[in-house]
Amino acid sequence: MYCIKCGSKTKNVKIAEDNYRRNVCLKCKYIHYVNPKIIVGTLPILGNKLLLCKRSISPGHGKWTFPSGYMEMGESLEDGARRESNEEANLELDILKLYGNYSIPDIGQVLFVYLGLIISKNFKAGSETSEVKLFNIKEIPWVDIAFPSVKFFLEKYAKDYENNKNFKYHSNFAGNNLK
């Protein structure tokens, strides 16, 4: 690996008082930290329906998901969730609450999902989406869901919805679930 600061070679070393090995520049001593990517998304609600997007890109091409994607520098979690909802489904929405997080340590990703109230019915497929559709809980296409994280949140939403719309905070790691 080469240093992002000066272009010199790096070496993977154990740094004193750090729990991980890090690539350190041999010349300028810059420490290269590799941190997880943050993904933000929304479960868009209109009445008693959820809006889902059919993906037109890989991974998950042809499968259903909720609007989500990587945060950009300078964004808050909420701003990123709104932007992704607009990019993927031309959605305008009000963020209601942070609904949960989903950690995927093996690939270095953390997903934050919000409940969002659709405020404009002008939604349509964006460039990464082939179709958008509103689904009742009983109509969710469970066999065609794009990712385990999406299935996790849709299952939690369906359970919370049927529990008098008592929408709790959810996390995928055992012991961290708030029941």
N, C-alpha and C. Protein backbone atom coordinates (compact mmCIF):
# COMPACT_ATOMS: atom_id res chain seq x y z
N MET A 1 0.85 -1.17 0.00
CA MET A 1 0.00 0.00 0.00
C MET A 1 0.90 1.24 0.00
N TYR A 2 0.37 2.29 -0.60
CA TYR A 2 1.09 3.56 -0.65
C TYR A 2 0.33 4.61 0.14
N CYS A 3 1.07 5.52 0.74
CA CYS A 3 0.50 6.55 1.59
C CYS A 3 -0.38 7.50 0.79
N ILE A 4 -1.55 7.81 1.35
CA ILE A 4 -2.46 8.75 0.69
C ILE A 4 -2.01 10.20 0.87
N LYS A 5 -1.07 10.43 1.78
CA LYS A 5 -0.58 11.78 2.03
C LYS A 5 0.64 12.13 1.18
N CYS A 6 1.63 11.21 1.15
CA CYS A 6 2.88 11.55 0.44
C CYS A 6 3.25 10.59 -0.67
N GLY A 7 2.54 9.46 -0.79
CA GLY A 7 2.79 8.52 -1.88
C GLY A 7 3.87 7.49 -1.60
N SER A 8 4.49 7.55 -0.44
CA SER A 8 5.55 6.58 -0.09
C SER A 8 4.93 5.25 0.33
N LYS A 9 5.78 4.24 0.42
CA LYS A 9 5.31 2.92 0.85
C LYS A 9 4.92 2.94 2.32
N THR A 10 3.96 2.06 2.66
CA THR A 10 3.54 1.89 4.04
C THR A 10 3.94 0.51 4.52
N LYS A 11 3.89 0.32 5.82
CA LYS A 11 4.16 -0.98 6.41
C LYS A 11 3.07 -1.25 7.43
N ASN A 12 2.58 -2.50 7.45
CA ASN A 12 1.56 -2.91 8.39
C ASN A 12 2.24 -3.26 9.71
N VAL A 13 1.96 -2.44 10.75
CA VAL A 13 2.64 -2.61 12.03
C VAL A 13 1.64 -2.54 13.18
N LYS A 14 2.05 -3.08 14.31
CA LYS A 14 1.29 -2.96 15.56
C LYS A 14 1.73 -1.66 16.21
N ILE A 15 0.77 -0.78 16.44
CA ILE A 15 1.05 0.51 17.05
C ILE A 15 0.85 0.37 18.56
N ALA A 16 1.75 0.94 19.32
CA ALA A 16 1.64 0.88 20.78
C ALA A 16 0.29 1.46 21.21
N GLU A 17 -0.34 0.81 22.16
CA GLU A 17 -1.62 1.24 22.73
C GLU A 17 -2.77 1.27 21.72
N ASP A 18 -2.69 0.46 20.68
CA ASP A 18 -3.77 0.33 19.69
C ASP A 18 -4.10 -1.16 19.61
N ASN A 19 -5.35 -1.49 19.37
CA ASN A 19 -5.77 -2.89 19.32
C ASN A 19 -5.60 -3.54 17.95
N TYR A 20 -5.30 -2.74 16.93
CA TYR A 20 -5.23 -3.27 15.57
C TYR A 20 -3.89 -2.94 14.93
N ARG A 21 -3.53 -3.76 13.96
CA ARG A 21 -2.38 -3.45 13.12
C ARG A 21 -2.83 -2.38 12.13
N ARG A 22 -1.97 -1.47 11.80
CA ARG A 22 -2.30 -0.37 10.89
C ARG A 22 -1.19 -0.21 9.85
N ASN A 23 -1.57 0.27 8.67
CA ASN A 23 -0.58 0.66 7.67
C ASN A 23 -0.06 2.04 8.05
N VAL A 24 1.25 2.14 8.22
CA VAL A 24 1.90 3.39 8.61
C VAL A 24 2.91 3.75 7.53
N CYS A 25 2.90 4.99 7.11
CA CYS A 25 3.83 5.46 6.09
C CYS A 25 5.26 5.42 6.64
N LEU A 26 6.15 4.84 5.86
CA LEU A 26 7.54 4.74 6.28
C LEU A 26 8.25 6.09 6.25
N LYS A 27 7.73 7.02 5.45
CA LYS A 27 8.37 8.33 5.33
C LYS A 27 7.74 9.38 6.25
N CYS A 28 6.44 9.65 6.08
CA CYS A 28 5.80 10.73 6.84
C CYS A 28 5.13 10.25 8.13
N LYS A 29 5.08 8.92 8.33
CA LYS A 29 4.52 8.30 9.54
C LYS A 29 3.01 8.43 9.67
N TYR A 30 2.33 8.81 8.59
CA TYR A 30 0.87 8.91 8.61
C TYR A 30 0.29 7.52 8.87
N ILE A 31 -0.68 7.44 9.78
CA ILE A 31 -1.35 6.18 10.10
C ILE A 31 -2.62 6.10 9.26
N HIS A 32 -2.75 5.01 8.50
CA HIS A 32 -3.92 4.81 7.64
C HIS A 32 -4.96 3.97 8.37
N TYR A 33 -6.04 4.62 8.78
CA TYR A 33 -7.13 3.92 9.45
C TYR A 33 -8.14 3.48 8.40
N VAL A 34 -8.57 2.25 8.51
CA VAL A 34 -9.61 1.73 7.62
C VAL A 34 -10.84 1.54 8.49
N ASN A 35 -11.86 2.34 8.24
CA ASN A 35 -13.06 2.34 9.07
C ASN A 35 -14.28 1.91 8.25
N PRO A 36 -15.34 1.46 8.95
CA PRO A 36 -16.54 1.02 8.24
C PRO A 36 -17.21 2.14 7.43
N LYS A 37 -17.91 1.72 6.40
CA LYS A 37 -18.73 2.63 5.60
C LYS A 37 -20.10 2.75 6.27
N ILE A 38 -20.65 3.95 6.23
CA ILE A 38 -21.98 4.19 6.81
C ILE A 38 -23.02 4.23 5.69
N ILE A 39 -24.07 3.45 5.88
CA ILE A 39 -25.19 3.40 4.94
C ILE A 39 -26.41 3.95 5.66
N VAL A 40 -27.19 4.74 4.96
CA VAL A 40 -28.42 5.31 5.53
C VAL A 40 -29.60 4.97 4.63
N GLY A 41 -30.75 4.78 5.24
CA GLY A 41 -31.93 4.46 4.46
C GLY A 41 -33.21 4.81 5.20
N THR A 42 -34.32 4.68 4.49
CA THR A 42 -35.63 4.94 5.09
C THR A 42 -36.61 3.82 4.75
N LEU A 43 -37.51 3.62 5.68
CA LEU A 43 -38.72 2.85 5.41
C LEU A 43 -39.79 3.90 5.16
N PRO A 44 -40.08 4.20 3.88
CA PRO A 44 -41.04 5.26 3.55
C PRO A 44 -42.48 4.77 3.72
N ILE A 45 -43.26 5.54 4.47
CA ILE A 45 -44.63 5.15 4.82
C ILE A 45 -45.62 6.12 4.18
N LEU A 46 -46.69 5.55 3.61
CA LEU A 46 -47.81 6.34 3.12
C LEU A 46 -49.08 5.61 3.56
N GLY A 47 -49.76 6.17 4.55
CA GLY A 47 -50.94 5.49 5.11
C GLY A 47 -50.51 4.19 5.77
N ASN A 48 -51.10 3.09 5.32
CA ASN A 48 -50.74 1.79 5.88
C ASN A 48 -49.84 0.99 4.93
N LYS A 49 -49.12 1.70 4.05
CA LYS A 49 -48.26 1.03 3.08
C LYS A 49 -46.82 1.52 3.20
N LEU A 50 -45.92 0.65 2.76
CA LEU A 50 -44.49 0.95 2.67
C LEU A 50 -44.10 1.04 1.20
N LEU A 51 -43.20 1.95 0.88
CA LEU A 51 -42.69 2.04 -0.49
C LEU A 51 -41.39 1.26 -0.57
N LEU A 52 -41.31 0.37 -1.55
CA LEU A 52 -40.08 -0.37 -1.82
C LEU A 52 -39.61 -0.09 -3.24
N CYS A 53 -38.32 -0.27 -3.46
CA CYS A 53 -37.69 -0.03 -4.76
C CYS A 53 -37.14 -1.34 -5.30
N LYS A 54 -37.38 -1.60 -6.58
CA LYS A 54 -36.77 -2.76 -7.23
C LYS A 54 -35.44 -2.30 -7.82
N ARG A 55 -34.35 -2.96 -7.42
CA ARG A 55 -33.01 -2.54 -7.83
C ARG A 55 -32.75 -2.82 -9.31
N SER A 56 -32.12 -1.85 -9.98
CA SER A 56 -31.74 -2.05 -11.37
C SER A 56 -30.22 -2.18 -11.50
N ILE A 57 -29.54 -2.33 -10.36
CA ILE A 57 -28.08 -2.50 -10.33
C ILE A 57 -27.73 -3.67 -9.42
N SER A 58 -26.51 -4.15 -9.56
CA SER A 58 -25.99 -5.18 -8.66
C SER A 58 -25.28 -4.49 -7.51
N PRO A 59 -25.22 -5.11 -6.36
CA PRO A 59 -25.83 -6.40 -6.03
C PRO A 59 -27.34 -6.28 -5.81
N GLY A 60 -28.00 -7.39 -5.89
CA GLY A 60 -29.44 -7.42 -5.65
C GLY A 60 -30.28 -6.99 -6.84
N HIS A 61 -29.70 -7.03 -8.04
CA HIS A 61 -30.44 -6.62 -9.25
C HIS A 61 -31.76 -7.39 -9.34
N GLY A 62 -32.86 -6.65 -9.55
CA GLY A 62 -34.19 -7.26 -9.69
C GLY A 62 -34.87 -7.59 -8.38
N LYS A 63 -34.23 -7.30 -7.28
CA LYS A 63 -34.81 -7.58 -5.95
C LYS A 63 -35.31 -6.27 -5.33
N TRP A 64 -36.14 -6.42 -4.31
CA TRP A 64 -36.75 -5.27 -3.64
C TRP A 64 -35.95 -4.84 -2.42
N THR A 65 -35.94 -3.54 -2.19
CA THR A 65 -35.25 -2.95 -1.06
C THR A 65 -35.98 -1.67 -0.67
N PHE A 66 -35.57 -1.06 0.43
CA PHE A 66 -36.02 0.29 0.73
C PHE A 66 -34.92 1.24 0.28
N PRO A 67 -35.22 2.51 0.06
CA PRO A 67 -34.19 3.45 -0.40
C PRO A 67 -33.06 3.55 0.62
N SER A 68 -31.84 3.34 0.15
CA SER A 68 -30.68 3.42 1.02
C SER A 68 -29.41 3.51 0.20
N GLY A 69 -28.35 3.97 0.84
CA GLY A 69 -27.06 4.06 0.16
C GLY A 69 -26.02 4.69 1.08
N TYR A 70 -24.82 4.82 0.55
CA TYR A 70 -23.71 5.35 1.33
C TYR A 70 -23.88 6.83 1.62
N MET A 71 -23.50 7.20 2.84
CA MET A 71 -23.48 8.62 3.22
C MET A 71 -22.39 9.34 2.43
N GLU A 72 -22.58 10.61 2.24
CA GLU A 72 -21.57 11.47 1.62
C GLU A 72 -20.95 12.33 2.72
N MET A 73 -19.73 12.78 2.47
CA MET A 73 -19.06 13.68 3.41
C MET A 73 -19.91 14.95 3.55
N GLY A 74 -19.99 15.46 4.77
CA GLY A 74 -20.73 16.69 5.02
C GLY A 74 -22.21 16.49 5.28
N GLU A 75 -22.69 15.25 5.24
CA GLU A 75 -24.11 14.96 5.49
C GLU A 75 -24.33 14.48 6.91
N SER A 76 -25.50 14.80 7.44
CA SER A 76 -25.97 14.15 8.66
C SER A 76 -26.60 12.82 8.24
N LEU A 77 -26.84 11.95 9.19
CA LEU A 77 -27.53 10.70 8.88
C LEU A 77 -28.88 10.98 8.22
N GLU A 78 -29.61 11.94 8.79
CA GLU A 78 -30.95 12.27 8.28
C GLU A 78 -30.89 12.85 6.86
N ASP A 79 -29.93 13.75 6.62
CA ASP A 79 -29.78 14.33 5.28
C ASP A 79 -29.44 13.25 4.26
N GLY A 80 -28.57 12.32 4.64
CA GLY A 80 -28.21 11.22 3.75
C GLY A 80 -29.40 10.33 3.43
N ALA A 81 -30.22 10.05 4.44
CA ALA A 81 -31.41 9.22 4.24
C ALA A 81 -32.40 9.92 3.31
N ARG A 82 -32.57 11.22 3.49
CA ARG A 82 -33.47 11.98 2.60
C ARG A 82 -32.93 11.99 1.16
N ARG A 83 -31.62 12.23 1.01
CA ARG A 83 -31.02 12.28 -0.33
C ARG A 83 -31.17 10.94 -1.04
N GLU A 84 -30.84 9.85 -0.35
CA GLU A 84 -30.97 8.53 -0.97
C GLU A 84 -32.41 8.23 -1.36
N SER A 85 -33.36 8.63 -0.52
CA SER A 85 -34.78 8.42 -0.83
C SER A 85 -35.18 9.19 -2.08
N ASN A 86 -34.64 10.39 -2.21
CA ASN A 86 -34.93 11.20 -3.39
C ASN A 86 -34.25 10.63 -4.63
N GLU A 87 -32.98 10.23 -4.52
CA GLU A 87 -32.25 9.69 -5.67
C GLU A 87 -32.87 8.40 -6.19
N GLU A 88 -33.28 7.52 -5.30
CA GLU A 88 -33.74 6.20 -5.70
C GLU A 88 -35.23 6.14 -6.02
N ALA A 89 -36.01 7.08 -5.46
CA ALA A 89 -37.46 6.98 -5.66
C ALA A 89 -38.14 8.34 -5.81
N ASN A 90 -37.36 9.40 -6.01
CA ASN A 90 -37.91 10.75 -6.15
C ASN A 90 -38.83 11.10 -4.97
N LEU A 91 -38.46 10.60 -3.79
CA LEU A 91 -39.29 10.79 -2.61
C LEU A 91 -38.99 12.10 -1.90
N GLU A 92 -40.06 12.73 -1.46
CA GLU A 92 -39.98 13.81 -0.49
C GLU A 92 -40.62 13.23 0.76
N LEU A 93 -39.88 13.30 1.88
CA LEU A 93 -40.43 12.72 3.10
C LEU A 93 -39.98 13.46 4.33
N ASP A 94 -40.75 13.29 5.38
CA ASP A 94 -40.40 13.78 6.70
C ASP A 94 -39.83 12.61 7.48
N ILE A 95 -38.65 12.81 8.06
CA ILE A 95 -38.06 11.78 8.91
C ILE A 95 -38.84 11.76 10.22
N LEU A 96 -39.35 10.57 10.57
CA LEU A 96 -40.13 10.43 11.80
C LEU A 96 -39.24 10.06 12.99
N LYS A 97 -38.39 9.06 12.78
CA LYS A 97 -37.52 8.62 13.88
C LYS A 97 -36.47 7.66 13.35
N LEU A 98 -35.38 7.55 14.10
CA LEU A 98 -34.38 6.53 13.82
C LEU A 98 -34.97 5.20 14.25
N TYR A 99 -35.08 4.27 13.31
CA TYR A 99 -35.75 3.00 13.57
C TYR A 99 -34.78 1.91 14.00
N GLY A 100 -33.52 2.01 13.59
CA GLY A 100 -32.58 0.99 14.01
C GLY A 100 -31.26 1.06 13.27
N ASN A 101 -30.38 0.15 13.68
CA ASN A 101 -29.08 0.00 13.03
C ASN A 101 -28.83 -1.47 12.74
N TYR A 102 -27.99 -1.72 11.75
CA TYR A 102 -27.67 -3.08 11.33
C TYR A 102 -26.19 -3.09 11.00
N SER A 103 -25.42 -3.86 11.76
CA SER A 103 -23.97 -3.92 11.58
C SER A 103 -23.59 -5.14 10.75
N ILE A 104 -22.68 -4.93 9.80
CA ILE A 104 -22.16 -6.01 8.96
C ILE A 104 -20.63 -5.96 9.05
N PRO A 105 -20.07 -6.45 10.16
CA PRO A 105 -18.63 -6.32 10.38
C PRO A 105 -17.76 -6.99 9.32
N ASP A 106 -18.24 -8.10 8.75
CA ASP A 106 -17.43 -8.83 7.77
C ASP A 106 -17.07 -8.00 6.55
N ILE A 107 -17.93 -7.04 6.19
CA ILE A 107 -17.64 -6.19 5.03
C ILE A 107 -17.51 -4.72 5.41
N GLY A 108 -17.46 -4.46 6.72
CA GLY A 108 -17.22 -3.09 7.19
C GLY A 108 -18.31 -2.10 6.85
N GLN A 109 -19.57 -2.48 7.11
CA GLN A 109 -20.69 -1.58 6.86
C GLN A 109 -21.59 -1.48 8.08
N VAL A 110 -22.14 -0.29 8.29
CA VAL A 110 -23.14 -0.06 9.33
C VAL A 110 -24.30 0.70 8.69
N LEU A 111 -25.49 0.14 8.82
CA LEU A 111 -26.70 0.72 8.24
C LEU A 111 -27.55 1.36 9.33
N PHE A 112 -27.98 2.60 9.09
CA PHE A 112 -28.93 3.29 9.96
C PHE A 112 -30.21 3.50 9.16
N VAL A 113 -31.34 3.08 9.74
CA VAL A 113 -32.62 3.15 9.03
C VAL A 113 -33.61 4.02 9.80
N TYR A 114 -34.27 4.89 9.07
CA TYR A 114 -35.27 5.80 9.62
C TYR A 114 -36.65 5.41 9.12
N LEU A 115 -37.66 5.73 9.91
CA LEU A 115 -39.04 5.71 9.42
C LEU A 115 -39.28 7.08 8.82
N GLY A 116 -39.84 7.11 7.62
CA GLY A 116 -40.09 8.38 6.94
C GLY A 116 -41.51 8.45 6.41
N LEU A 117 -42.15 9.59 6.61
CA LEU A 117 -43.51 9.81 6.12
C LEU A 117 -43.45 10.46 4.74
N ILE A 118 -44.01 9.79 3.75
CA ILE A 118 -44.03 10.31 2.37
C ILE A 118 -44.95 11.52 2.34
N ILE A 119 -44.44 12.67 1.86
CA ILE A 119 -45.24 13.90 1.84
C ILE A 119 -45.63 14.32 0.43
N SER A 120 -45.11 13.63 -0.58
CA SER A 120 -45.49 13.92 -1.96
C SER A 120 -45.69 12.60 -2.69
N LYS A 121 -46.74 12.52 -3.47
CA LYS A 121 -47.03 11.28 -4.21
C LYS A 121 -46.36 11.26 -5.58
N ASN A 122 -45.36 12.11 -5.79
CA ASN A 122 -44.66 12.17 -7.08
C ASN A 122 -43.51 11.19 -7.16
N PHE A 123 -43.54 10.13 -6.36
CA PHE A 123 -42.44 9.19 -6.38
C PHE A 123 -42.41 8.41 -7.70
N LYS A 124 -41.18 8.06 -8.09
CA LYS A 124 -40.95 7.29 -9.32
C LYS A 124 -39.56 6.70 -9.24
N ALA A 125 -39.28 5.74 -10.09
CA ALA A 125 -37.98 5.06 -10.09
C ALA A 125 -36.87 6.03 -10.47
N GLY A 126 -35.76 5.95 -9.71
CA GLY A 126 -34.56 6.72 -10.02
C GLY A 126 -33.60 5.90 -10.86
N SER A 127 -32.38 6.38 -11.01
CA SER A 127 -31.42 5.75 -11.91
C SER A 127 -30.97 4.36 -11.46
N GLU A 128 -31.03 4.05 -10.17
CA GLU A 128 -30.62 2.73 -9.68
C GLU A 128 -31.82 1.83 -9.39
N THR A 129 -33.00 2.28 -9.80
CA THR A 129 -34.26 1.61 -9.48
C THR A 129 -35.05 1.38 -10.76
N SER A 130 -35.59 0.16 -10.94
CA SER A 130 -36.40 -0.11 -12.12
C SER A 130 -37.89 0.10 -11.85
N GLU A 131 -38.28 0.05 -10.58
CA GLU A 131 -39.70 0.17 -10.23
C GLU A 131 -39.82 0.58 -8.77
N VAL A 132 -40.83 1.39 -8.45
CA VAL A 132 -41.18 1.67 -7.06
C VAL A 132 -42.64 1.27 -6.87
N LYS A 133 -42.94 0.77 -5.67
CA LYS A 133 -44.30 0.29 -5.44
C LYS A 133 -44.62 0.38 -3.95
N LEU A 134 -45.88 0.71 -3.67
CA LEU A 134 -46.38 0.71 -2.30
C LEU A 134 -46.93 -0.68 -1.97
N PHE A 135 -46.57 -1.19 -0.80
CA PHE A 135 -46.98 -2.52 -0.37
C PHE A 135 -47.66 -2.45 1.00
N ASN A 136 -48.80 -3.15 1.13
CA ASN A 136 -49.35 -3.45 2.45
C ASN A 136 -48.41 -4.47 3.08
N ILE A 137 -48.45 -4.58 4.39
CA ILE A 137 -47.60 -5.53 5.11
C ILE A 137 -47.76 -6.94 4.54
N LYS A 138 -48.98 -7.34 4.26
CA LYS A 138 -49.23 -8.70 3.79
C LYS A 138 -48.82 -8.92 2.33
N GLU A 139 -48.49 -7.85 1.61
CA GLU A 139 -48.10 -7.95 0.20
C GLU A 139 -46.59 -7.89 -0.03
N ILE A 140 -45.81 -7.70 1.02
CA ILE A 140 -44.35 -7.57 0.86
C ILE A 140 -43.82 -8.82 0.16
N PRO A 141 -43.03 -8.64 -0.90
CA PRO A 141 -42.51 -9.78 -1.68
C PRO A 141 -41.31 -10.44 -0.98
N TRP A 142 -41.58 -11.18 0.09
CA TRP A 142 -40.53 -11.71 0.96
C TRP A 142 -39.48 -12.54 0.23
N VAL A 143 -39.87 -13.29 -0.80
CA VAL A 143 -38.89 -14.13 -1.50
C VAL A 143 -38.00 -13.33 -2.44
N ASP A 144 -38.34 -12.07 -2.68
CA ASP A 144 -37.56 -11.23 -3.60
C ASP A 144 -36.93 -10.02 -2.90
N ILE A 145 -36.56 -10.17 -1.64
CA ILE A 145 -35.92 -9.08 -0.91
C ILE A 145 -34.42 -9.14 -1.17
N ALA A 146 -33.82 -7.97 -1.41
CA ALA A 146 -32.44 -7.89 -1.87
C ALA A 146 -31.39 -8.32 -0.85
N PHE A 147 -31.53 -7.92 0.40
CA PHE A 147 -30.45 -8.12 1.36
C PHE A 147 -31.00 -8.57 2.72
N PRO A 148 -30.19 -9.31 3.49
CA PRO A 148 -30.63 -9.72 4.84
C PRO A 148 -30.99 -8.51 5.72
N SER A 149 -30.28 -7.41 5.58
CA SER A 149 -30.57 -6.22 6.39
C SER A 149 -31.96 -5.66 6.06
N VAL A 150 -32.33 -5.69 4.80
CA VAL A 150 -33.65 -5.21 4.39
C VAL A 150 -34.73 -6.13 4.96
N LYS A 151 -34.51 -7.43 4.84
CA LYS A 151 -35.47 -8.39 5.39
C LYS A 151 -35.62 -8.20 6.90
N PHE A 152 -34.50 -7.98 7.59
CA PHE A 152 -34.52 -7.76 9.04
C PHE A 152 -35.45 -6.60 9.39
N PHE A 153 -35.26 -5.45 8.72
CA PHE A 153 -36.07 -4.27 9.06
C PHE A 153 -37.52 -4.42 8.62
N LEU A 154 -37.76 -5.06 7.49
CA LEU A 154 -39.15 -5.28 7.06
C LEU A 154 -39.88 -6.21 8.03
N GLU A 155 -39.19 -7.25 8.51
CA GLU A 155 -39.80 -8.15 9.49
C GLU A 155 -40.11 -7.41 10.79
N LYS A 156 -39.18 -6.58 11.25
CA LYS A 156 -39.40 -5.82 12.48
C LYS A 156 -40.55 -4.83 12.30
N TYR A 157 -40.59 -4.19 11.12
CA TYR A 157 -41.66 -3.24 10.85
C TYR A 157 -43.02 -3.95 10.87
N ALA A 158 -43.11 -5.10 10.20
CA ALA A 158 -44.37 -5.84 10.15
C ALA A 158 -44.82 -6.23 11.56
N LYS A 159 -43.89 -6.68 12.39
CA LYS A 159 -44.22 -7.06 13.77
C LYS A 159 -44.66 -5.84 14.58
N ASP A 160 -43.92 -4.74 14.46
CA ASP A 160 -44.28 -3.52 15.19
C ASP A 160 -45.62 -2.97 14.71
N TYR A 161 -45.85 -3.04 13.40
CA TYR A 161 -47.11 -2.54 12.83
C TYR A 161 -48.29 -3.30 13.42
N GLU A 162 -48.14 -4.62 13.47
CA GLU A 162 -49.22 -5.45 13.99
C GLU A 162 -49.35 -5.34 15.51
N ASN A 163 -48.34 -4.77 16.16
CA ASN A 163 -48.37 -4.53 17.60
C ASN A 163 -48.81 -3.09 17.86
N ASN A 164 -49.94 -2.71 17.28
CA ASN A 164 -50.52 -1.37 17.44
C ASN A 164 -49.58 -0.25 16.99
N LYS A 165 -48.80 -0.52 15.95
CA LYS A 165 -47.86 0.47 15.41
C LYS A 165 -46.91 1.00 16.48
N ASN A 166 -46.50 0.10 17.35
CA ASN A 166 -45.54 0.44 18.41
C ASN A 166 -44.13 0.22 17.84
N PHE A 167 -43.62 1.24 17.15
CA PHE A 167 -42.35 1.12 16.44
C PHE A 167 -41.17 1.33 17.39
N LYS A 168 -40.50 0.23 17.71
CA LYS A 168 -39.37 0.22 18.63
C LYS A 168 -38.06 0.37 17.85
N TYR A 169 -36.99 0.63 18.58
CA TYR A 169 -35.66 0.68 17.99
C TYR A 169 -35.13 -0.74 17.86
N HIS A 170 -34.48 -1.07 16.73
CA HIS A 170 -33.99 -2.43 16.50
C HIS A 170 -32.52 -2.44 16.09
N SER A 171 -31.83 -3.49 16.53
CA SER A 171 -30.44 -3.73 16.16
C SER A 171 -30.28 -5.22 15.89
N ASN A 172 -29.41 -5.59 14.96
CA ASN A 172 -29.28 -6.99 14.58
C ASN A 172 -28.37 -7.81 15.49
N PHE A 173 -27.66 -7.19 16.43
CA PHE A 173 -26.77 -7.97 17.28
C PHE A 173 -27.47 -8.40 18.55
N ALA A 174 -27.45 -9.73 18.82
CA ALA A 174 -28.08 -10.29 20.01
C ALA A 174 -27.53 -9.61 21.25
N GLY A 175 -28.40 -9.35 22.20
CA GLY A 175 -27.98 -8.66 23.41
C GLY A 175 -28.09 -7.15 23.26
N ASN A 176 -28.15 -6.67 22.02
CA ASN A 176 -28.29 -5.23 21.77
C ASN A 176 -29.70 -4.87 21.34
N ASN A 177 -30.55 -5.87 21.14
CA ASN A 177 -31.93 -5.59 20.73
C ASN A 177 -32.71 -5.00 21.89
N LEU A 178 -33.34 -3.87 21.63
CA LEU A 178 -34.22 -3.28 22.63
C LEU A 178 -35.61 -3.80 22.38
N LYS A 179 -36.12 -4.54 23.31
CA LYS A 179 -37.41 -5.22 23.09
C LYS A 179 -38.55 -4.42 23.60
